[in-house]
Amino acid sequence: VVRAAESRTIATKLAQQEIERWKSMS
């Protein structure tokens, strides 16, 4: 459960980083 929560947190962080990256270079 802890590992899955950590993976979801990492995935969410990476997805948010990609969203912000493409917002800055739309």
PDB file of all heavy atoms in Angstrom:
ATOM      1  N   VAL A   1       0.831  -1.204   0.000  1.00  0.00           N
ATOM      2  CA  VAL A   1       0.000   0.000   0.000  1.00  0.00           C
ATOM      3  C   VAL A   1       0.864   1.251   0.000  1.00  0.00           C
ATOM      4  O   VAL A   1       0.620   2.221  -0.738  1.00  0.00           O
ATOM      5  CB  VAL A   1      -0.960  -0.018   1.218  1.00  0.00           C
ATOM      6  CG1 VAL A   1      -1.674   1.322   1.356  1.00  0.00           C
ATOM      7  CG2 VAL A   1      -1.962  -1.149   1.088  1.00  0.00           C
ATOM      8  N   VAL A   2       1.921   1.214   0.834  1.00  0.00           N
ATOM      9  CA  VAL A   2       2.833   2.366   0.883  1.00  0.00           C
ATOM     10  C   VAL A   2       3.533   2.552  -0.456  1.00  0.00           C
ATOM     11  O   VAL A   2       3.657   3.678  -0.960  1.00  0.00           O
ATOM     12  CB  VAL A   2       3.862   2.182   2.018  1.00  0.00           C
ATOM     13  CG1 VAL A   2       4.922   3.271   1.967  1.00  0.00           C
ATOM     14  CG2 VAL A   2       3.159   2.187   3.369  1.00  0.00           C
ATOM     15  N   ARG A   3       3.991   1.421  -1.061  1.00  0.00           N
ATOM     16  CA  ARG A   3       4.660   1.489  -2.361  1.00  0.00           C
ATOM     17  C   ARG A   3       3.716   2.016  -3.434  1.00  0.00           C
ATOM     18  O   ARG A   3       4.098   2.854  -4.273  1.00  0.00           O
ATOM     19  CB  ARG A   3       5.187   0.112  -2.723  1.00  0.00           C
ATOM     20  CG  ARG A   3       5.871   0.009  -4.081  1.00  0.00           C
ATOM     21  CD  ARG A   3       7.200   0.733  -4.076  1.00  0.00           C
ATOM     22  NE  ARG A   3       7.891   0.495  -5.339  1.00  0.00           N
ATOM     23  CZ  ARG A   3       8.712  -0.532  -5.560  1.00  0.00           C
ATOM     24  NH1 ARG A   3       8.940  -1.422  -4.605  1.00  0.00           N
ATOM     25  NH2 ARG A   3       9.306  -0.669  -6.724  1.00  0.00           N
ATOM     26  N   ALA A   4       2.480   1.517  -3.444  1.00  0.00           N
ATOM     27  CA  ALA A   4       1.502   1.985  -4.427  1.00  0.00           C
ATOM     28  C   ALA A   4       1.200   3.467  -4.241  1.00  0.00           C
ATOM     29  O   ALA A   4       1.092   4.223  -5.218  1.00  0.00           O
ATOM     30  CB  ALA A   4       0.222   1.163  -4.326  1.00  0.00           C
ATOM     31  N   ALA A   5       1.088   3.888  -2.981  1.00  0.00           N
ATOM     32  CA  ALA A   5       0.832   5.309  -2.727  1.00  0.00           C
ATOM     33  C   ALA A   5       2.008   6.160  -3.194  1.00  0.00           C
ATOM     34  O   ALA A   5       1.821   7.249  -3.763  1.00  0.00           O
ATOM     35  CB  ALA A   5       0.565   5.523  -1.237  1.00  0.00           C
ATOM     36  N   GLU A   6       3.233   5.657  -2.966  1.00  0.00           N
ATOM     37  CA  GLU A   6       4.412   6.396  -3.422  1.00  0.00           C
ATOM     38  C   GLU A   6       4.453   6.471  -4.936  1.00  0.00           C
ATOM     39  O   GLU A   6       4.757   7.522  -5.518  1.00  0.00           O
ATOM     40  CB  GLU A   6       5.676   5.726  -2.892  1.00  0.00           C
ATOM     41  CG  GLU A   6       6.954   6.480  -3.258  1.00  0.00           C
ATOM     42  CD  GLU A   6       8.191   5.806  -2.685  1.00  0.00           C
ATOM     43  OE1 GLU A   6       8.043   4.726  -2.084  1.00  0.00           O
ATOM     44  OE2 GLU A   6       9.292   6.363  -2.842  1.00  0.00           O
ATOM     45  N   SER A   7       4.112   5.350  -5.614  1.00  0.00           N
ATOM     46  CA  SER A   7       4.101   5.340  -7.075  1.00  0.00           C
ATOM     47  C   SER A   7       3.050   6.296  -7.608  1.00  0.00           C
ATOM     48  O   SER A   7       3.292   7.023  -8.588  1.00  0.00           O
ATOM     49  CB  SER A   7       3.849   3.925  -7.593  1.00  0.00           C
ATOM     50  OG  SER A   7       4.872   3.038  -7.176  1.00  0.00           O
ATOM     51  N   ARG A   8       1.863   6.316  -6.987  1.00  0.00           N
ATOM     52  CA  ARG A   8       0.822   7.247  -7.432  1.00  0.00           C
ATOM     53  C   ARG A   8       1.256   8.686  -7.227  1.00  0.00           C
ATOM     54  O   ARG A   8       0.989   9.559  -8.069  1.00  0.00           O
ATOM     55  CB  ARG A   8      -0.485   6.961  -6.685  1.00  0.00           C
ATOM     56  CG  ARG A   8      -1.242   5.755  -7.183  1.00  0.00           C
ATOM     57  CD  ARG A   8      -2.651   5.725  -6.640  1.00  0.00           C
ATOM     58  NE  ARG A   8      -2.664   5.568  -5.198  1.00  0.00           N
ATOM     59  CZ  ARG A   8      -2.722   4.393  -4.586  1.00  0.00           C
ATOM     60  NH1 ARG A   8      -2.763   3.273  -5.301  1.00  0.00           N
ATOM     61  NH2 ARG A   8      -2.729   4.314  -3.266  1.00  0.00           N
ATOM     62  N   THR A   9       1.935   8.937  -6.115  1.00  0.00           N
ATOM     63  CA  THR A   9       2.427  10.294  -5.865  1.00  0.00           C
ATOM     64  C   THR A   9       3.447  10.714  -6.913  1.00  0.00           C
ATOM     65  O   THR A   9       3.404  11.833  -7.438  1.00  0.00           O
ATOM     66  CB  THR A   9       3.057  10.373  -4.464  1.00  0.00           C
ATOM     67  OG1 THR A   9       2.079  10.008  -3.486  1.00  0.00           O
ATOM     68  CG2 THR A   9       3.556  11.780  -4.174  1.00  0.00           C
ATOM     69  N   ILE A  10       4.376   9.793  -7.228  1.00  0.00           N
ATOM     70  CA  ILE A  10       5.380  10.090  -8.246  1.00  0.00           C
ATOM     71  C   ILE A  10       4.717  10.309  -9.603  1.00  0.00           C
ATOM     72  O   ILE A  10       5.050  11.249 -10.327  1.00  0.00           O
ATOM     73  CB  ILE A  10       6.419   8.953  -8.317  1.00  0.00           C
ATOM     74  CG1 ILE A  10       7.252   8.923  -7.032  1.00  0.00           C
ATOM     75  CG2 ILE A  10       7.321   9.122  -9.527  1.00  0.00           C
ATOM     76  CD1 ILE A  10       8.208   7.755  -6.959  1.00  0.00           C
ATOM     77  N   ALA A  11       3.772   9.410  -9.954  1.00  0.00           N
ATOM     78  CA  ALA A  11       3.087   9.542 -11.244  1.00  0.00           C
ATOM     79  C   ALA A  11       2.324  10.857 -11.325  1.00  0.00           C
ATOM     80  O   ALA A  11       2.342  11.541 -12.356  1.00  0.00           O
ATOM     81  CB  ALA A  11       2.149   8.366 -11.453  1.00  0.00           C
ATOM     82  N   THR A  12       1.657  11.227 -10.244  1.00  0.00           N
ATOM     83  CA  THR A  12       0.927  12.491 -10.235  1.00  0.00           C
ATOM     84  C   THR A  12       1.874  13.669 -10.379  1.00  0.00           C
ATOM     85  O   THR A  12       1.593  14.624 -11.111  1.00  0.00           O
ATOM     86  CB  THR A  12       0.128  12.616  -8.926  1.00  0.00           C
ATOM     87  OG1 THR A  12      -0.769  11.514  -8.806  1.00  0.00           O
ATOM     88  CG2 THR A  12      -0.664  13.915  -8.905  1.00  0.00           C
ATOM     89  N   LYS A  13       3.016  13.584  -9.690  1.00  0.00           N
ATOM     90  CA  LYS A  13       3.993  14.659  -9.781  1.00  0.00           C
ATOM     91  C   LYS A  13       4.556  14.787 -11.186  1.00  0.00           C
ATOM     92  O   LYS A  13       4.685  15.892 -11.726  1.00  0.00           O
ATOM     93  CB  LYS A  13       5.127  14.411  -8.778  1.00  0.00           C
ATOM     94  CG  LYS A  13       6.161  15.525  -8.722  1.00  0.00           C
ATOM     95  CD  LYS A  13       7.195  15.256  -7.652  1.00  0.00           C
ATOM     96  CE  LYS A  13       8.230  16.386  -7.594  1.00  0.00           C
ATOM     97  NZ  LYS A  13       9.255  16.141  -6.542  1.00  0.00           N
ATOM     98  N   LEU A  14       4.888  13.633 -11.813  1.00  0.00           N
ATOM     99  CA  LEU A  14       5.410  13.667 -13.175  1.00  0.00           C
ATOM    100  C   LEU A  14       4.369  14.190 -14.157  1.00  0.00           C
ATOM    101  O   LEU A  14       4.690  14.979 -15.061  1.00  0.00           O
ATOM    102  CB  LEU A  14       5.866  12.270 -13.592  1.00  0.00           C
ATOM    103  CG  LEU A  14       7.104  11.720 -12.881  1.00  0.00           C
ATOM    104  CD1 LEU A  14       7.334  10.274 -13.277  1.00  0.00           C
ATOM    105  CD2 LEU A  14       8.326  12.563 -13.190  1.00  0.00           C
ATOM    106  N   ALA A  15       3.119  13.736 -13.996  1.00  0.00           N
ATOM    107  CA  ALA A  15       2.061  14.220 -14.880  1.00  0.00           C
ATOM    108  C   ALA A  15       1.857  15.719 -14.725  1.00  0.00           C
ATOM    109  O   ALA A  15       1.688  16.445 -15.714  1.00  0.00           O
ATOM    110  CB  ALA A  15       0.756  13.470 -14.588  1.00  0.00           C
ATOM    111  N   GLN A  16       1.894  16.195 -13.494  1.00  0.00           N
ATOM    112  CA  GLN A  16       1.728  17.625 -13.267  1.00  0.00           C
ATOM    113  C   GLN A  16       2.899  18.405 -13.858  1.00  0.00           C
ATOM    114  O   GLN A  16       2.711  19.491 -14.422  1.00  0.00           O
ATOM    115  CB  GLN A  16       1.604  17.910 -11.763  1.00  0.00           C
ATOM    116  CG  GLN A  16       1.226  19.346 -11.427  1.00  0.00           C
ATOM    117  CD  GLN A  16      -0.122  19.725 -11.989  1.00  0.00           C
ATOM    118  OE1 GLN A  16      -1.057  18.933 -11.971  1.00  0.00           O
ATOM    119  NE2 GLN A  16      -0.237  20.952 -12.495  1.00  0.00           N
ATOM    120  N   GLN A  17       4.109  17.850 -13.751  1.00  0.00           N
ATOM    121  CA  GLN A  17       5.264  18.498 -14.358  1.00  0.00           C
ATOM    122  C   GLN A  17       5.111  18.597 -15.861  1.00  0.00           C
ATOM    123  O   GLN A  17       5.440  19.625 -16.473  1.00  0.00           O
ATOM    124  CB  GLN A  17       6.538  17.729 -14.002  1.00  0.00           C
ATOM    125  CG  GLN A  17       6.982  17.878 -12.557  1.00  0.00           C
ATOM    126  CD  GLN A  17       8.208  17.037 -12.230  1.00  0.00           C
ATOM    127  OE1 GLN A  17       8.646  16.231 -13.050  1.00  0.00           O
ATOM    128  NE2 GLN A  17       8.757  17.227 -11.052  1.00  0.00           N
ATOM    129  N   GLU A  18       4.607  17.511 -16.495  1.00  0.00           N
ATOM    130  CA  GLU A  18       4.394  17.546 -17.942  1.00  0.00           C
ATOM    131  C   GLU A  18       3.331  18.567 -18.314  1.00  0.00           C
ATOM    132  O   GLU A  18       3.463  19.298 -19.307  1.00  0.00           O
ATOM    133  CB  GLU A  18       3.985  16.162 -18.443  1.00  0.00           C
ATOM    134  CG  GLU A  18       5.139  15.199 -18.598  1.00  0.00           C
ATOM    135  CD  GLU A  18       6.117  15.668 -19.664  1.00  0.00           C
ATOM    136  OE1 GLU A  18       5.761  15.682 -20.853  1.00  0.00           O
ATOM    137  OE2 GLU A  18       7.239  16.057 -19.287  1.00  0.00           O
ATOM    138  N   ILE A  19       2.261  18.633 -17.530  1.00  0.00           N
ATOM    139  CA  ILE A  19       1.206  19.614 -17.802  1.00  0.00           C
ATOM    140  C   ILE A  19       1.760  21.030 -17.718  1.00  0.00           C
ATOM    141  O   ILE A  19       1.515  21.876 -18.592  1.00  0.00           O
ATOM    142  CB  ILE A  19       0.027  19.428 -16.825  1.00  0.00           C
ATOM    143  CG1 ILE A  19      -0.682  18.101 -17.107  1.00  0.00           C
ATOM    144  CG2 ILE A  19      -0.951  20.596 -16.927  1.00  0.00           C
ATOM    145  CD1 ILE A  19      -1.754  17.760 -16.112  1.00  0.00           C
ATOM    146  N   GLU A  20       2.530  21.300 -16.677  1.00  0.00           N
ATOM    147  CA  GLU A  20       3.100  22.633 -16.525  1.00  0.00           C
ATOM    148  C   GLU A  20       4.114  22.924 -17.624  1.00  0.00           C
ATOM    149  O   GLU A  20       4.212  24.057 -18.108  1.00  0.00           O
ATOM    150  CB  GLU A  20       3.771  22.754 -15.146  1.00  0.00           C
ATOM    151  CG  GLU A  20       2.808  22.641 -13.966  1.00  0.00           C
ATOM    152  CD  GLU A  20       1.732  23.707 -14.007  1.00  0.00           C
ATOM    153  OE1 GLU A  20       2.037  24.845 -14.438  1.00  0.00           O
ATOM    154  OE2 GLU A  20       0.585  23.414 -13.620  1.00  0.00           O
ATOM    155  N   ARG A  21       4.871  21.886 -18.023  1.00  0.00           N
ATOM    156  CA  ARG A  21       5.852  22.091 -19.093  1.00  0.00           C
ATOM    157  C   ARG A  21       5.167  22.488 -20.387  1.00  0.00           C
ATOM    158  O   ARG A  21       5.590  23.418 -21.074  1.00  0.00           O
ATOM    159  CB  ARG A  21       6.674  20.819 -19.293  1.00  0.00           C
ATOM    160  CG  ARG A  21       7.741  20.931 -20.386  1.00  0.00           C
ATOM    161  CD  ARG A  21       8.714  19.783 -20.283  1.00  0.00           C
ATOM    162  NE  ARG A  21       8.185  18.559 -20.813  1.00  0.00           N
ATOM    163  CZ  ARG A  21       8.547  18.032 -21.992  1.00  0.00           C
ATOM    164  NH1 ARG A  21       9.422  18.662 -22.746  1.00  0.00           N
ATOM    165  NH2 ARG A  21       8.051  16.898 -22.393  1.00  0.00           N
ATOM    166  N   TRP A  22       4.076  21.788 -20.725  1.00  0.00           N
ATOM    167  CA  TRP A  22       3.393  22.100 -21.971  1.00  0.00           C
ATOM    168  C   TRP A  22       2.578  23.379 -21.877  1.00  0.00           C
ATOM    169  O   TRP A  22       2.323  24.030 -22.902  1.00  0.00           O
ATOM    170  CB  TRP A  22       2.512  20.934 -22.398  1.00  0.00           C
ATOM    171  CG  TRP A  22       3.327  19.815 -22.986  1.00  0.00           C
ATOM    172  CD1 TRP A  22       3.542  18.585 -22.448  1.00  0.00           C
ATOM    173  CD2 TRP A  22       4.053  19.847 -24.209  1.00  0.00           C
ATOM    174  NE1 TRP A  22       4.356  17.837 -23.259  1.00  0.00           N
ATOM    175  CE2 TRP A  22       4.688  18.588 -24.349  1.00  0.00           C
ATOM    176  CE3 TRP A  22       4.232  20.811 -25.199  1.00  0.00           C
ATOM    177  CZ2 TRP A  22       5.486  18.278 -25.431  1.00  0.00           C
ATOM    178  CZ3 TRP A  22       5.028  20.498 -26.286  1.00  0.00           C
ATOM    179  CH2 TRP A  22       5.635  19.246 -26.393  1.00  0.00           C
ATOM    180  N   LYS A  23       2.162  23.754 -20.678  1.00  0.00           N
ATOM    181  CA  LYS A  23       1.511  25.060 -20.525  1.00  0.00           C
ATOM    182  C   LYS A  23       2.480  26.180 -20.882  1.00  0.00           C
ATOM    183  O   LYS A  23       2.088  27.185 -21.473  1.00  0.00           O
ATOM    184  CB  LYS A  23       1.017  25.237 -19.087  1.00  0.00           C
ATOM    185  CG  LYS A  23      -0.287  24.526 -18.768  1.00  0.00           C
ATOM    186  CD  LYS A  23      -0.714  24.823 -17.343  1.00  0.00           C
ATOM    187  CE  LYS A  23      -2.035  24.152 -17.004  1.00  0.00           C
ATOM    188  NZ  LYS A  23      -2.447  24.433 -15.599  1.00  0.00           N
ATOM    189  N   SER A  24       3.737  25.995 -20.492  1.00  0.00           N
ATOM    190  CA  SER A  24       4.731  27.037 -20.758  1.00  0.00           C
ATOM    191  C   SER A  24       5.204  27.040 -22.200  1.00  0.00           C
ATOM    192  O   SER A  24       5.853  27.991 -22.638  1.00  0.00           O
ATOM    193  CB  SER A  24       5.930  26.858 -19.823  1.00  0.00           C
ATOM    194  OG  SER A  24       6.596  25.625 -20.077  1.00  0.00           O
ATOM    195  N   MET A  25       4.927  25.970 -22.954  1.00  0.00           N
ATOM    196  CA  MET A  25       5.342  25.897 -24.359  1.00  0.00           C
ATOM    197  C   MET A  25       4.187  25.380 -25.215  1.00  0.00           C
ATOM    198  O   MET A  25       4.360  24.521 -26.082  1.00  0.00           O
ATOM    199  CB  MET A  25       6.571  25.003 -24.510  1.00  0.00           C
ATOM    200  CG  MET A  25       6.449  23.631 -23.874  1.00  0.00           C
ATOM    201  SD  MET A  25       7.980  22.655 -23.956  1.00  0.00           S
ATOM    202  CE  MET A  25       8.181  22.433 -25.711  1.00  0.00           C
ATOM    203  N   SER A  26       2.992  25.933 -24.980  1.00  0.00           N
ATOM    204  CA  SER A  26       1.806  25.480 -25.704  1.00  0.00           C
ATOM    205  C   SER A  26       1.915  25.738 -27.200  1.00  0.00           C
ATOM    206  O   SER A  26       1.318  25.019 -28.011  1.00  0.00           O
ATOM    207  CB  SER A  26       0.554  26.162 -25.141  1.00  0.00           C
ATOM    208  OG  SER A  26       0.682  27.577 -25.218  1.00  0.00           O
TER     209      SER A  26
END
